[in-house]
N, C-alpha and C. Protein backbone atom coordinates (compact mmCIF):
# COMPACT_ATOMS: atom_id res chain seq x y z
N MET A 1 20.31 -6.84 50.50
CA MET A 1 20.56 -8.24 50.17
C MET A 1 21.28 -8.34 48.83
N HIS A 2 22.36 -9.08 48.79
CA HIS A 2 23.07 -9.28 47.53
C HIS A 2 22.31 -10.29 46.68
N ALA A 3 22.34 -10.09 45.37
CA ALA A 3 21.61 -10.99 44.49
C ALA A 3 22.33 -11.10 43.15
N ILE A 4 22.04 -12.18 42.45
CA ILE A 4 22.57 -12.40 41.10
C ILE A 4 21.38 -12.61 40.18
N GLY A 5 21.35 -11.88 39.08
CA GLY A 5 20.26 -12.03 38.11
C GLY A 5 20.77 -12.65 36.82
N ILE A 6 19.96 -13.51 36.24
CA ILE A 6 20.33 -14.16 34.97
C ILE A 6 19.18 -13.98 33.99
N ASP A 7 19.49 -13.57 32.78
CA ASP A 7 18.46 -13.38 31.76
C ASP A 7 19.04 -13.73 30.40
N ILE A 8 18.25 -14.40 29.58
CA ILE A 8 18.72 -14.78 28.25
C ILE A 8 18.87 -13.55 27.34
N SER A 9 18.16 -12.46 27.68
CA SER A 9 18.21 -11.25 26.88
C SER A 9 19.27 -10.29 27.42
N SER A 10 20.23 -9.95 26.59
CA SER A 10 21.27 -9.02 27.01
C SER A 10 20.69 -7.63 27.25
N PHE A 11 19.63 -7.28 26.50
CA PHE A 11 19.01 -5.98 26.69
C PHE A 11 18.32 -5.91 28.06
N ASN A 12 17.62 -6.99 28.45
CA ASN A 12 16.98 -7.02 29.77
C ASN A 12 18.03 -6.93 30.88
N ALA A 13 19.16 -7.57 30.66
CA ALA A 13 20.23 -7.48 31.64
C ALA A 13 20.75 -6.05 31.75
N MET A 14 20.85 -5.38 30.60
CA MET A 14 21.30 -4.00 30.60
C MET A 14 20.33 -3.11 31.37
N ILE A 15 19.02 -3.33 31.17
CA ILE A 15 18.01 -2.55 31.88
C ILE A 15 18.18 -2.71 33.39
N SER A 16 18.35 -3.95 33.83
CA SER A 16 18.49 -4.22 35.27
C SER A 16 19.75 -3.57 35.83
N ASN A 17 20.84 -3.67 35.09
CA ASN A 17 22.10 -3.10 35.56
C ASN A 17 22.04 -1.58 35.62
N VAL A 18 21.37 -0.97 34.65
CA VAL A 18 21.23 0.48 34.66
C VAL A 18 20.40 0.92 35.87
N LYS A 19 19.36 0.15 36.19
CA LYS A 19 18.48 0.52 37.31
C LYS A 19 19.19 0.49 38.65
N ILE A 20 20.14 -0.40 38.81
CA ILE A 20 20.77 -0.54 40.12
C ILE A 20 22.12 0.16 40.20
N SER A 21 22.54 0.79 39.11
CA SER A 21 23.83 1.48 39.09
C SER A 21 23.67 2.94 39.47
N LYS A 22 24.77 3.55 39.89
CA LYS A 22 24.79 4.98 40.14
C LYS A 22 25.23 5.69 38.86
N HIS A 23 24.69 6.90 38.65
CA HIS A 23 24.95 7.60 37.41
C HIS A 23 25.36 9.05 37.69
N ASN A 24 26.13 9.59 36.79
CA ASN A 24 26.50 11.00 36.88
C ASN A 24 25.31 11.82 36.36
N LEU A 25 24.53 12.34 37.29
CA LEU A 25 23.29 13.01 36.91
C LEU A 25 23.52 14.31 36.17
N VAL A 26 24.63 14.95 36.44
CA VAL A 26 24.95 16.20 35.74
C VAL A 26 25.20 15.92 34.27
N LEU A 27 26.01 14.89 33.99
CA LEU A 27 26.30 14.54 32.61
C LEU A 27 25.05 14.02 31.89
N LEU A 28 24.25 13.24 32.62
CA LEU A 28 23.03 12.69 32.03
C LEU A 28 22.05 13.81 31.67
N THR A 29 21.88 14.76 32.59
CA THR A 29 20.99 15.88 32.34
C THR A 29 21.46 16.69 31.14
N GLU A 30 22.74 16.91 31.07
CA GLU A 30 23.31 17.69 29.96
C GLU A 30 23.10 16.96 28.63
N ALA A 31 23.30 15.64 28.64
CA ALA A 31 23.13 14.85 27.42
C ALA A 31 21.67 14.88 26.96
N ILE A 32 20.74 14.73 27.90
CA ILE A 32 19.32 14.75 27.56
C ILE A 32 18.92 16.09 26.97
N LYS A 33 19.36 17.18 27.61
CA LYS A 33 19.02 18.52 27.12
C LYS A 33 19.57 18.75 25.72
N ASN A 34 20.82 18.35 25.50
CA ASN A 34 21.44 18.55 24.19
C ASN A 34 20.73 17.77 23.09
N ILE A 35 20.42 16.52 23.38
CA ILE A 35 19.77 15.67 22.37
C ILE A 35 18.35 16.16 22.10
N THR A 36 17.64 16.54 23.15
CA THR A 36 16.27 17.04 22.96
C THR A 36 16.28 18.32 22.14
N LEU A 37 17.24 19.19 22.41
CA LEU A 37 17.36 20.43 21.64
C LEU A 37 17.65 20.13 20.17
N LYS A 38 18.53 19.18 19.91
CA LYS A 38 18.85 18.81 18.53
C LYS A 38 17.64 18.19 17.83
N LEU A 39 16.86 17.40 18.58
CA LEU A 39 15.65 16.82 18.01
C LEU A 39 14.68 17.91 17.58
N LYS A 40 14.51 18.92 18.41
CA LYS A 40 13.58 19.99 18.09
C LYS A 40 14.09 20.84 16.93
N GLU A 41 15.39 20.99 16.83
CA GLU A 41 15.96 21.70 15.68
C GLU A 41 15.73 20.88 14.41
N PHE A 42 15.89 19.59 14.52
CA PHE A 42 15.64 18.70 13.38
C PHE A 42 14.19 18.79 12.92
N GLN A 43 13.28 18.87 13.88
CA GLN A 43 11.86 18.92 13.56
C GLN A 43 11.45 20.22 12.87
N LYS A 44 12.23 21.27 13.05
CA LYS A 44 11.92 22.53 12.39
C LYS A 44 12.04 22.42 10.87
N THR A 45 12.75 21.42 10.42
CA THR A 45 12.90 21.21 8.97
C THR A 45 11.80 20.31 8.43
N LYS A 46 10.91 19.85 9.32
CA LYS A 46 9.84 18.94 8.93
C LYS A 46 8.48 19.57 9.24
N ASN A 47 7.41 18.93 8.77
CA ASN A 47 6.06 19.46 9.00
C ASN A 47 5.22 18.60 9.93
N ASN A 48 5.79 17.49 10.43
CA ASN A 48 4.94 16.56 11.17
C ASN A 48 4.43 17.11 12.50
N VAL A 49 5.22 17.94 13.17
CA VAL A 49 4.78 18.48 14.46
C VAL A 49 3.63 19.46 14.26
N LEU A 50 3.76 20.36 13.30
CA LEU A 50 2.68 21.30 13.01
C LEU A 50 1.43 20.57 12.52
N PHE A 51 1.66 19.56 11.70
CA PHE A 51 0.54 18.75 11.21
C PHE A 51 -0.21 18.11 12.38
N GLU A 52 0.53 17.51 13.30
CA GLU A 52 -0.12 16.82 14.41
C GLU A 52 -0.85 17.79 15.33
N GLU A 53 -0.28 18.97 15.54
CA GLU A 53 -0.96 19.97 16.36
C GLU A 53 -2.28 20.40 15.73
N ASN A 54 -2.26 20.61 14.42
CA ASN A 54 -3.47 20.99 13.71
C ASN A 54 -4.49 19.86 13.73
N LEU A 55 -3.99 18.64 13.54
CA LEU A 55 -4.87 17.47 13.56
C LEU A 55 -5.54 17.31 14.92
N LEU A 56 -4.80 17.50 15.99
CA LEU A 56 -5.36 17.39 17.34
C LEU A 56 -6.44 18.44 17.57
N SER A 57 -6.22 19.63 17.04
CA SER A 57 -7.21 20.68 17.16
C SER A 57 -8.51 20.30 16.45
N GLU A 58 -8.38 19.77 15.24
CA GLU A 58 -9.56 19.36 14.48
C GLU A 58 -10.27 18.17 15.15
N LEU A 59 -9.49 17.25 15.68
CA LEU A 59 -10.07 16.10 16.38
C LEU A 59 -10.83 16.55 17.62
N GLY A 60 -10.27 17.51 18.34
CA GLY A 60 -10.94 18.00 19.53
C GLY A 60 -12.31 18.57 19.22
N LYS A 61 -12.39 19.37 18.16
CA LYS A 61 -13.67 19.96 17.77
C LYS A 61 -14.65 18.90 17.28
N TYR A 62 -14.14 17.98 16.48
CA TYR A 62 -15.00 16.94 15.90
C TYR A 62 -15.55 16.00 16.98
N ASN A 63 -14.66 15.57 17.87
CA ASN A 63 -15.10 14.65 18.93
C ASN A 63 -16.06 15.32 19.91
N LEU A 64 -15.86 16.59 20.16
CA LEU A 64 -16.77 17.31 21.04
C LEU A 64 -18.16 17.38 20.44
N ARG A 65 -18.22 17.48 19.12
CA ARG A 65 -19.49 17.58 18.44
C ARG A 65 -20.21 16.24 18.30
N TYR A 66 -19.46 15.20 17.93
CA TYR A 66 -20.09 13.91 17.61
C TYR A 66 -19.92 12.83 18.68
N PHE A 67 -18.94 13.00 19.57
CA PHE A 67 -18.71 12.00 20.62
C PHE A 67 -18.57 12.66 21.99
N PRO A 68 -19.53 13.51 22.37
CA PRO A 68 -19.43 14.20 23.66
C PRO A 68 -19.44 13.20 24.81
N SER A 69 -18.57 13.43 25.77
CA SER A 69 -18.49 12.54 26.93
C SER A 69 -19.12 13.22 28.14
N PRO A 70 -19.95 12.48 28.93
CA PRO A 70 -20.26 11.05 28.82
C PRO A 70 -21.54 10.75 28.03
N GLU A 71 -22.12 11.76 27.40
CA GLU A 71 -23.41 11.57 26.73
C GLU A 71 -23.35 10.48 25.66
N TYR A 72 -22.28 10.49 24.88
CA TYR A 72 -22.19 9.52 23.78
C TYR A 72 -22.18 8.08 24.32
N LYS A 73 -21.34 7.80 25.29
CA LYS A 73 -21.25 6.44 25.84
C LYS A 73 -22.57 6.01 26.49
N ARG A 74 -23.24 6.97 27.11
CA ARG A 74 -24.54 6.66 27.74
C ARG A 74 -25.55 6.24 26.68
N LYS A 75 -25.56 6.95 25.56
CA LYS A 75 -26.50 6.62 24.48
C LYS A 75 -26.19 5.26 23.86
N VAL A 76 -24.88 4.93 23.77
CA VAL A 76 -24.49 3.62 23.24
C VAL A 76 -24.97 2.52 24.18
N ILE A 77 -24.76 2.70 25.47
CA ILE A 77 -25.16 1.70 26.47
C ILE A 77 -26.68 1.52 26.48
N ASN A 78 -27.40 2.61 26.32
CA ASN A 78 -28.87 2.55 26.35
C ASN A 78 -29.47 2.13 25.02
N GLY A 79 -28.62 1.89 24.04
CA GLY A 79 -29.12 1.44 22.75
C GLY A 79 -29.70 2.54 21.89
N GLU A 80 -29.47 3.79 22.25
CA GLU A 80 -29.97 4.91 21.47
C GLU A 80 -29.12 5.14 20.22
N ILE A 81 -27.89 4.65 20.24
CA ILE A 81 -26.97 4.78 19.11
C ILE A 81 -26.41 3.41 18.77
N ASP A 82 -26.43 3.05 17.49
CA ASP A 82 -25.76 1.84 17.02
C ASP A 82 -24.29 2.20 16.85
N GLU A 83 -23.48 1.79 17.82
CA GLU A 83 -22.08 2.22 17.85
C GLU A 83 -21.34 1.89 16.56
N GLU A 84 -21.49 0.67 16.06
CA GLU A 84 -20.74 0.26 14.88
C GLU A 84 -21.11 1.09 13.66
N GLU A 85 -22.38 1.26 13.45
CA GLU A 85 -22.83 2.01 12.27
C GLU A 85 -22.49 3.49 12.39
N TYR A 86 -22.77 4.06 13.56
CA TYR A 86 -22.52 5.49 13.79
C TYR A 86 -21.02 5.80 13.69
N ALA A 87 -20.20 4.95 14.34
CA ALA A 87 -18.77 5.18 14.36
C ALA A 87 -18.17 5.07 12.96
N LYS A 88 -18.64 4.10 12.18
CA LYS A 88 -18.12 3.92 10.83
C LYS A 88 -18.40 5.15 9.97
N GLU A 89 -19.59 5.70 10.12
CA GLU A 89 -19.96 6.89 9.35
C GLU A 89 -19.13 8.09 9.76
N ARG A 90 -18.99 8.30 11.05
CA ARG A 90 -18.21 9.45 11.53
C ARG A 90 -16.73 9.28 11.20
N GLU A 91 -16.23 8.07 11.29
CA GLU A 91 -14.83 7.78 10.97
C GLU A 91 -14.53 8.16 9.52
N GLY A 92 -15.41 7.73 8.61
CA GLY A 92 -15.22 8.04 7.20
C GLY A 92 -15.33 9.53 6.93
N GLU A 93 -16.21 10.19 7.65
CA GLU A 93 -16.40 11.63 7.47
C GLU A 93 -15.14 12.40 7.87
N PHE A 94 -14.53 12.00 8.98
CA PHE A 94 -13.35 12.73 9.44
C PHE A 94 -12.14 12.48 8.54
N LEU A 95 -12.11 11.36 7.85
CA LEU A 95 -10.97 11.07 6.96
C LEU A 95 -10.78 12.16 5.92
N ASN A 96 -11.86 12.81 5.51
CA ASN A 96 -11.74 13.91 4.56
C ASN A 96 -10.91 15.05 5.15
N ILE A 97 -11.15 15.35 6.42
CA ILE A 97 -10.37 16.38 7.11
C ILE A 97 -8.91 15.94 7.23
N TYR A 98 -8.72 14.68 7.57
CA TYR A 98 -7.37 14.13 7.74
C TYR A 98 -6.55 14.23 6.46
N TYR A 99 -7.13 13.79 5.35
CA TYR A 99 -6.40 13.81 4.08
C TYR A 99 -6.15 15.23 3.59
N ASN A 100 -7.06 16.14 3.89
CA ASN A 100 -6.84 17.54 3.51
C ASN A 100 -5.66 18.14 4.28
N LEU A 101 -5.52 17.73 5.55
CA LEU A 101 -4.38 18.22 6.34
C LEU A 101 -3.07 17.63 5.83
N ILE A 102 -3.09 16.37 5.44
CA ILE A 102 -1.89 15.75 4.87
C ILE A 102 -1.46 16.51 3.62
N LYS A 103 -2.44 16.84 2.80
CA LYS A 103 -2.16 17.59 1.57
C LYS A 103 -1.63 18.98 1.89
N LYS A 104 -2.23 19.61 2.89
CA LYS A 104 -1.82 20.97 3.28
C LYS A 104 -0.37 21.01 3.74
N TYR A 105 0.04 20.01 4.52
CA TYR A 105 1.39 20.00 5.09
C TYR A 105 2.37 19.16 4.27
N HIS A 106 1.92 18.62 3.15
CA HIS A 106 2.78 17.81 2.27
C HIS A 106 3.48 16.71 3.08
N LEU A 107 2.71 16.01 3.87
CA LEU A 107 3.28 15.03 4.79
C LEU A 107 3.33 13.64 4.17
N LYS A 108 4.48 13.01 4.28
CA LYS A 108 4.63 11.62 3.84
C LYS A 108 4.31 10.72 5.01
N ILE A 109 3.40 9.77 4.82
CA ILE A 109 2.93 8.92 5.92
C ILE A 109 3.63 7.57 5.95
N ASN A 110 3.67 6.88 4.83
CA ASN A 110 4.21 5.51 4.78
C ASN A 110 5.69 5.50 4.42
N GLN A 111 6.39 4.53 4.96
CA GLN A 111 7.78 4.34 4.60
C GLN A 111 7.87 3.68 3.22
N ASP A 112 9.04 3.79 2.62
CA ASP A 112 9.23 3.25 1.27
C ASP A 112 9.35 1.73 1.27
N LYS A 113 9.78 1.18 2.40
CA LYS A 113 10.00 -0.27 2.48
C LYS A 113 9.09 -0.89 3.53
N ASN A 114 8.92 -2.20 3.45
CA ASN A 114 8.15 -2.94 4.44
C ASN A 114 8.85 -4.28 4.68
N GLU A 115 10.14 -4.20 4.97
CA GLU A 115 10.97 -5.41 5.04
C GLU A 115 11.18 -5.91 6.47
N ASN A 116 10.97 -5.06 7.45
CA ASN A 116 11.21 -5.49 8.83
C ASN A 116 10.24 -4.77 9.77
N PHE A 117 10.37 -5.05 11.04
CA PHE A 117 9.45 -4.50 12.05
C PHE A 117 9.45 -2.98 12.04
N MET A 118 10.63 -2.36 11.97
CA MET A 118 10.73 -0.91 11.98
C MET A 118 10.08 -0.30 10.75
N ASP A 119 10.17 -0.98 9.63
CA ASP A 119 9.52 -0.48 8.40
C ASP A 119 8.01 -0.54 8.52
N LYS A 120 7.52 -1.61 9.12
CA LYS A 120 6.08 -1.87 9.11
C LYS A 120 5.32 -1.09 10.17
N TRP A 121 5.88 -0.94 11.35
CA TRP A 121 5.10 -0.47 12.48
C TRP A 121 5.33 0.98 12.88
N PHE A 122 6.02 1.74 12.02
CA PHE A 122 6.23 3.15 12.32
C PHE A 122 5.97 4.00 11.09
N LEU A 123 5.23 5.09 11.28
CA LEU A 123 4.97 6.00 10.19
C LEU A 123 6.27 6.71 9.80
N PHE A 124 6.34 7.16 8.59
CA PHE A 124 7.57 7.75 8.06
C PHE A 124 8.12 8.89 8.94
N PRO A 125 7.30 9.86 9.39
CA PRO A 125 7.85 10.93 10.22
C PRO A 125 8.42 10.42 11.54
N VAL A 126 7.78 9.41 12.10
CA VAL A 126 8.26 8.83 13.36
C VAL A 126 9.58 8.10 13.14
N ARG A 127 9.65 7.34 12.06
CA ARG A 127 10.90 6.61 11.76
C ARG A 127 12.06 7.57 11.57
N GLU A 128 11.80 8.69 10.92
CA GLU A 128 12.86 9.70 10.73
C GLU A 128 13.39 10.19 12.08
N GLU A 129 12.48 10.45 13.02
CA GLU A 129 12.91 10.96 14.32
C GLU A 129 13.62 9.88 15.13
N ILE A 130 13.15 8.65 15.02
CA ILE A 130 13.82 7.54 15.72
C ILE A 130 15.24 7.39 15.21
N ASP A 131 15.40 7.37 13.91
CA ASP A 131 16.74 7.24 13.32
C ASP A 131 17.63 8.41 13.73
N PHE A 132 17.05 9.61 13.78
CA PHE A 132 17.81 10.78 14.18
C PHE A 132 18.34 10.63 15.61
N LEU A 133 17.46 10.24 16.54
CA LEU A 133 17.89 10.06 17.93
C LEU A 133 18.90 8.92 18.06
N PHE A 134 18.70 7.86 17.29
CA PHE A 134 19.63 6.74 17.34
C PHE A 134 21.04 7.20 16.97
N HIS A 135 21.15 8.01 15.95
CA HIS A 135 22.47 8.51 15.53
C HIS A 135 23.04 9.49 16.55
N GLN A 136 22.17 10.23 17.24
CA GLN A 136 22.65 11.10 18.30
C GLN A 136 23.24 10.30 19.45
N LEU A 137 22.60 9.19 19.78
CA LEU A 137 23.09 8.33 20.85
C LEU A 137 24.43 7.70 20.50
N LYS A 138 24.62 7.40 19.23
CA LYS A 138 25.88 6.81 18.80
C LYS A 138 27.05 7.75 19.04
N ASN A 139 26.77 9.05 19.09
CA ASN A 139 27.83 10.04 19.29
C ASN A 139 28.11 10.32 20.76
N VAL A 140 27.37 9.67 21.66
CA VAL A 140 27.62 9.82 23.10
C VAL A 140 28.78 8.89 23.48
N HIS A 141 29.85 9.44 24.01
CA HIS A 141 31.05 8.66 24.28
C HIS A 141 31.03 7.97 25.64
N ASN A 142 30.31 8.53 26.59
CA ASN A 142 30.22 7.94 27.92
C ASN A 142 29.30 6.72 27.86
N SER A 143 29.84 5.53 28.06
CA SER A 143 29.07 4.30 27.91
C SER A 143 27.92 4.20 28.91
N ASP A 144 28.12 4.70 30.13
CA ASP A 144 27.07 4.66 31.14
C ASP A 144 25.89 5.53 30.72
N ILE A 145 26.18 6.75 30.30
CA ILE A 145 25.13 7.66 29.86
C ILE A 145 24.43 7.10 28.62
N LYS A 146 25.20 6.51 27.73
CA LYS A 146 24.64 5.96 26.50
C LYS A 146 23.64 4.85 26.81
N GLU A 147 23.92 4.01 27.80
CA GLU A 147 23.01 2.93 28.16
C GLU A 147 21.70 3.46 28.73
N VAL A 148 21.78 4.48 29.57
CA VAL A 148 20.55 5.08 30.12
C VAL A 148 19.72 5.66 28.99
N LEU A 149 20.35 6.38 28.08
CA LEU A 149 19.64 7.00 26.96
C LEU A 149 19.05 5.94 26.03
N ALA A 150 19.77 4.82 25.87
CA ALA A 150 19.27 3.74 25.01
C ALA A 150 17.97 3.15 25.56
N ILE A 151 17.89 3.04 26.88
CA ILE A 151 16.67 2.52 27.50
C ILE A 151 15.52 3.51 27.32
N ILE A 152 15.81 4.79 27.49
CA ILE A 152 14.78 5.81 27.29
C ILE A 152 14.29 5.79 25.84
N LEU A 153 15.21 5.69 24.90
CA LEU A 153 14.84 5.64 23.49
C LEU A 153 14.03 4.39 23.18
N SER A 154 14.43 3.25 23.74
CA SER A 154 13.71 2.01 23.51
C SER A 154 12.27 2.11 24.01
N ARG A 155 12.09 2.69 25.18
CA ARG A 155 10.75 2.86 25.73
C ARG A 155 9.94 3.82 24.86
N THR A 156 10.59 4.86 24.37
CA THR A 156 9.93 5.83 23.49
C THR A 156 9.45 5.15 22.22
N VAL A 157 10.34 4.36 21.61
CA VAL A 157 10.01 3.68 20.36
C VAL A 157 8.81 2.76 20.55
N ARG A 158 8.80 2.03 21.64
CA ARG A 158 7.69 1.09 21.90
C ARG A 158 6.35 1.82 21.98
N SER A 159 6.36 3.04 22.48
CA SER A 159 5.11 3.79 22.65
C SER A 159 4.65 4.47 21.36
N CYS A 160 5.47 4.44 20.33
CA CYS A 160 5.17 5.19 19.11
C CYS A 160 4.85 4.31 17.91
N ARG A 161 4.51 3.06 18.17
CA ARG A 161 4.15 2.17 17.06
C ARG A 161 2.81 2.59 16.45
N ALA A 162 2.66 2.32 15.16
CA ALA A 162 1.46 2.73 14.43
C ALA A 162 0.36 1.70 14.63
N THR A 163 -0.24 1.73 15.81
CA THR A 163 -1.31 0.79 16.13
C THR A 163 -2.41 1.51 16.89
N THR A 164 -3.55 0.86 17.04
CA THR A 164 -4.66 1.48 17.77
C THR A 164 -4.42 1.37 19.27
N HIS A 165 -5.15 2.15 20.03
CA HIS A 165 -5.02 2.11 21.49
C HIS A 165 -5.48 0.77 22.06
N ALA A 166 -6.33 0.08 21.33
CA ALA A 166 -6.85 -1.21 21.81
C ALA A 166 -5.92 -2.37 21.45
N ASP A 167 -4.95 -2.13 20.58
CA ASP A 167 -4.09 -3.22 20.09
C ASP A 167 -2.62 -3.01 20.42
N LEU A 168 -2.33 -2.34 21.52
CA LEU A 168 -0.95 -2.04 21.86
C LEU A 168 -0.11 -3.29 22.09
N ALA A 169 -0.74 -4.34 22.55
CA ALA A 169 0.00 -5.58 22.83
C ALA A 169 -0.06 -6.57 21.69
N THR A 170 -1.14 -6.53 20.92
CA THR A 170 -1.35 -7.56 19.90
C THR A 170 -0.78 -7.19 18.54
N LEU A 171 -0.75 -5.90 18.20
CA LEU A 171 -0.22 -5.42 16.92
C LEU A 171 -0.81 -6.20 15.74
N LYS A 172 -2.08 -5.98 15.49
CA LYS A 172 -2.76 -6.71 14.41
C LYS A 172 -2.39 -6.17 13.03
N GLU A 173 -2.67 -4.90 12.80
CA GLU A 173 -2.37 -4.27 11.53
C GLU A 173 -1.91 -2.83 11.78
N PRO A 174 -0.92 -2.34 11.02
CA PRO A 174 -0.49 -0.95 11.18
C PRO A 174 -1.63 0.02 10.86
N VAL A 175 -1.68 1.12 11.59
CA VAL A 175 -2.71 2.13 11.39
C VAL A 175 -2.04 3.39 10.82
N THR A 176 -2.53 3.84 9.69
CA THR A 176 -1.91 5.00 9.03
C THR A 176 -2.87 6.18 8.90
N THR A 177 -4.09 6.04 9.43
CA THR A 177 -5.07 7.12 9.37
C THR A 177 -5.74 7.28 10.73
N THR A 178 -6.55 8.31 10.84
CA THR A 178 -7.39 8.44 12.03
C THR A 178 -8.40 7.29 12.03
N TYR A 179 -8.93 6.94 13.19
CA TYR A 179 -9.81 5.77 13.31
C TYR A 179 -10.72 5.92 14.52
N TYR A 180 -11.83 5.17 14.50
CA TYR A 180 -12.70 5.17 15.67
C TYR A 180 -12.11 4.23 16.71
N CYS A 181 -11.94 4.74 17.90
CA CYS A 181 -11.32 3.99 18.99
C CYS A 181 -12.40 3.56 19.99
N LYS A 182 -12.68 2.27 20.05
CA LYS A 182 -13.70 1.77 20.97
C LYS A 182 -13.27 1.96 22.43
N LYS A 183 -11.97 1.93 22.64
CA LYS A 183 -11.47 2.08 24.01
C LYS A 183 -11.83 3.46 24.57
N HIS A 184 -11.70 4.50 23.75
CA HIS A 184 -11.96 5.86 24.22
C HIS A 184 -13.30 6.42 23.75
N GLY A 185 -13.97 5.70 22.85
CA GLY A 185 -15.26 6.15 22.37
C GLY A 185 -15.20 7.45 21.59
N LYS A 186 -14.22 7.57 20.70
CA LYS A 186 -14.08 8.77 19.88
C LYS A 186 -13.10 8.48 18.74
N ILE A 187 -12.90 9.48 17.87
CA ILE A 187 -11.93 9.33 16.79
C ILE A 187 -10.54 9.61 17.36
N CYS A 188 -9.62 8.69 17.14
CA CYS A 188 -8.25 8.85 17.60
C CYS A 188 -7.30 8.83 16.41
N LYS A 189 -6.02 8.96 16.68
CA LYS A 189 -5.03 9.05 15.61
C LYS A 189 -3.79 8.23 15.95
N PRO A 190 -3.00 7.85 14.95
CA PRO A 190 -1.70 7.26 15.24
C PRO A 190 -0.72 8.36 15.63
N ILE A 191 0.50 8.00 15.94
CA ILE A 191 1.50 8.97 16.39
C ILE A 191 2.36 9.43 15.22
N PHE A 192 2.55 10.74 15.13
CA PHE A 192 3.31 11.32 14.03
C PHE A 192 4.62 11.95 14.49
N SER A 193 4.85 12.00 15.79
CA SER A 193 6.11 12.52 16.33
C SER A 193 6.39 11.87 17.67
N ILE A 194 7.65 11.61 17.94
CA ILE A 194 8.03 10.94 19.18
C ILE A 194 8.30 11.92 20.32
N THR A 195 8.25 13.22 20.04
CA THR A 195 8.70 14.23 21.01
C THR A 195 8.06 14.09 22.38
N ASN A 196 6.74 14.02 22.42
CA ASN A 196 6.05 13.97 23.71
C ASN A 196 6.47 12.77 24.54
N TRP A 197 6.59 11.62 23.89
CA TRP A 197 6.99 10.42 24.62
C TRP A 197 8.44 10.50 25.04
N TRP A 198 9.31 10.98 24.19
CA TRP A 198 10.73 11.12 24.55
C TRP A 198 10.88 12.03 25.77
N GLU A 199 10.21 13.18 25.74
CA GLU A 199 10.33 14.13 26.85
C GLU A 199 9.69 13.56 28.11
N ARG A 200 8.58 12.85 27.98
CA ARG A 200 7.93 12.25 29.15
C ARG A 200 8.84 11.24 29.81
N TYR A 201 9.47 10.39 29.02
CA TYR A 201 10.29 9.33 29.60
C TYR A 201 11.63 9.85 30.13
N THR A 202 12.13 10.94 29.58
CA THR A 202 13.35 11.51 30.15
C THR A 202 13.07 12.10 31.53
N LEU A 203 11.81 12.43 31.78
CA LEU A 203 11.44 12.97 33.09
C LEU A 203 10.95 11.90 34.06
N GLU A 204 10.83 10.68 33.57
CA GLU A 204 10.30 9.60 34.41
C GLU A 204 11.37 8.60 34.84
N ILE A 205 12.62 9.01 34.78
CA ILE A 205 13.69 8.08 35.13
C ILE A 205 14.16 8.28 36.57
N GLY A 206 13.32 8.98 37.36
CA GLY A 206 13.65 9.20 38.76
C GLY A 206 13.99 7.94 39.55
N PRO A 207 13.25 6.81 39.35
CA PRO A 207 13.56 5.60 40.09
C PRO A 207 15.00 5.11 39.90
N LEU A 208 15.62 5.48 38.78
CA LEU A 208 17.01 5.08 38.56
C LEU A 208 17.93 5.74 39.58
N PHE A 209 17.49 6.88 40.11
CA PHE A 209 18.36 7.68 40.96
C PHE A 209 18.08 7.49 42.44
N LYS A 210 17.21 6.56 42.78
CA LYS A 210 16.85 6.33 44.17
C LYS A 210 18.10 6.01 44.99
N GLY A 211 18.26 6.75 46.07
CA GLY A 211 19.40 6.49 46.95
C GLY A 211 20.65 7.25 46.56
N GLN A 212 20.59 8.08 45.53
CA GLN A 212 21.78 8.80 45.11
C GLN A 212 21.85 10.20 45.72
N GLY A 213 20.90 10.50 46.59
CA GLY A 213 20.98 11.76 47.32
C GLY A 213 20.04 12.82 46.78
N LYS A 214 19.45 13.60 47.70
CA LYS A 214 18.50 14.63 47.32
C LYS A 214 19.16 15.69 46.45
N GLU A 215 20.39 16.06 46.76
CA GLU A 215 21.07 17.11 45.99
C GLU A 215 21.22 16.70 44.52
N ALA A 216 21.56 15.42 44.30
CA ALA A 216 21.73 14.93 42.93
C ALA A 216 20.40 14.91 42.19
N ARG A 217 19.36 14.46 42.88
CA ARG A 217 18.03 14.39 42.24
C ARG A 217 17.52 15.79 41.90
N ASP A 218 17.76 16.73 42.84
CA ASP A 218 17.33 18.11 42.58
C ASP A 218 18.08 18.69 41.40
N SER A 219 19.34 18.32 41.27
CA SER A 219 20.14 18.79 40.14
C SER A 219 19.53 18.29 38.84
N TYR A 220 19.06 17.06 38.83
CA TYR A 220 18.45 16.52 37.61
C TYR A 220 17.15 17.25 37.30
N ILE A 221 16.31 17.43 38.32
CA ILE A 221 15.01 18.05 38.13
C ILE A 221 15.15 19.46 37.56
N HIS A 222 16.13 20.21 38.06
CA HIS A 222 16.28 21.60 37.62
C HIS A 222 17.13 21.71 36.37
């Protein structure tokens, strides 16, 4: 069925047009691989990826000890644990580990400015990577490929805001430290690198290629 779509947002219109258009999957795959490789080379000059890996390791051990699942949630439900009091104490205790890791990796957390949305809602290491990818996209000459990559980057950026898991839609206050997450019942962290989300979303664009043939889709996958 033929249809006409109208939207006040030019970006929303671009998303719709990209979804229904055919794309050169070979060029798109090559562009994604090249940009991802450059991002990882860029990250080798920074400490945020190593910092986050170490932080995740420490969080795993700490949460296993103090917030074992499902025992912890069962105790909260049964009133055996005062969640607010217990969580506040454990949250403060883990901050010592967090700050020691920041010191160890000489990591800068906050941006120098707070003048706009990008300044406020992204930690410094994340903003650096976003800006890096943005400049990489500017160097892509194929307008069709550039639009697909722009949508992937936009989705990545949205997933990397410095907020809690419970406030993804509301964005109350930026989060710059580890925190107790009521949604998951454990200590969680903000995002310090966009890599995982960027790579996840570059692999989730299959619906864009629907109807373009099995051979083309297989070419993208491999």
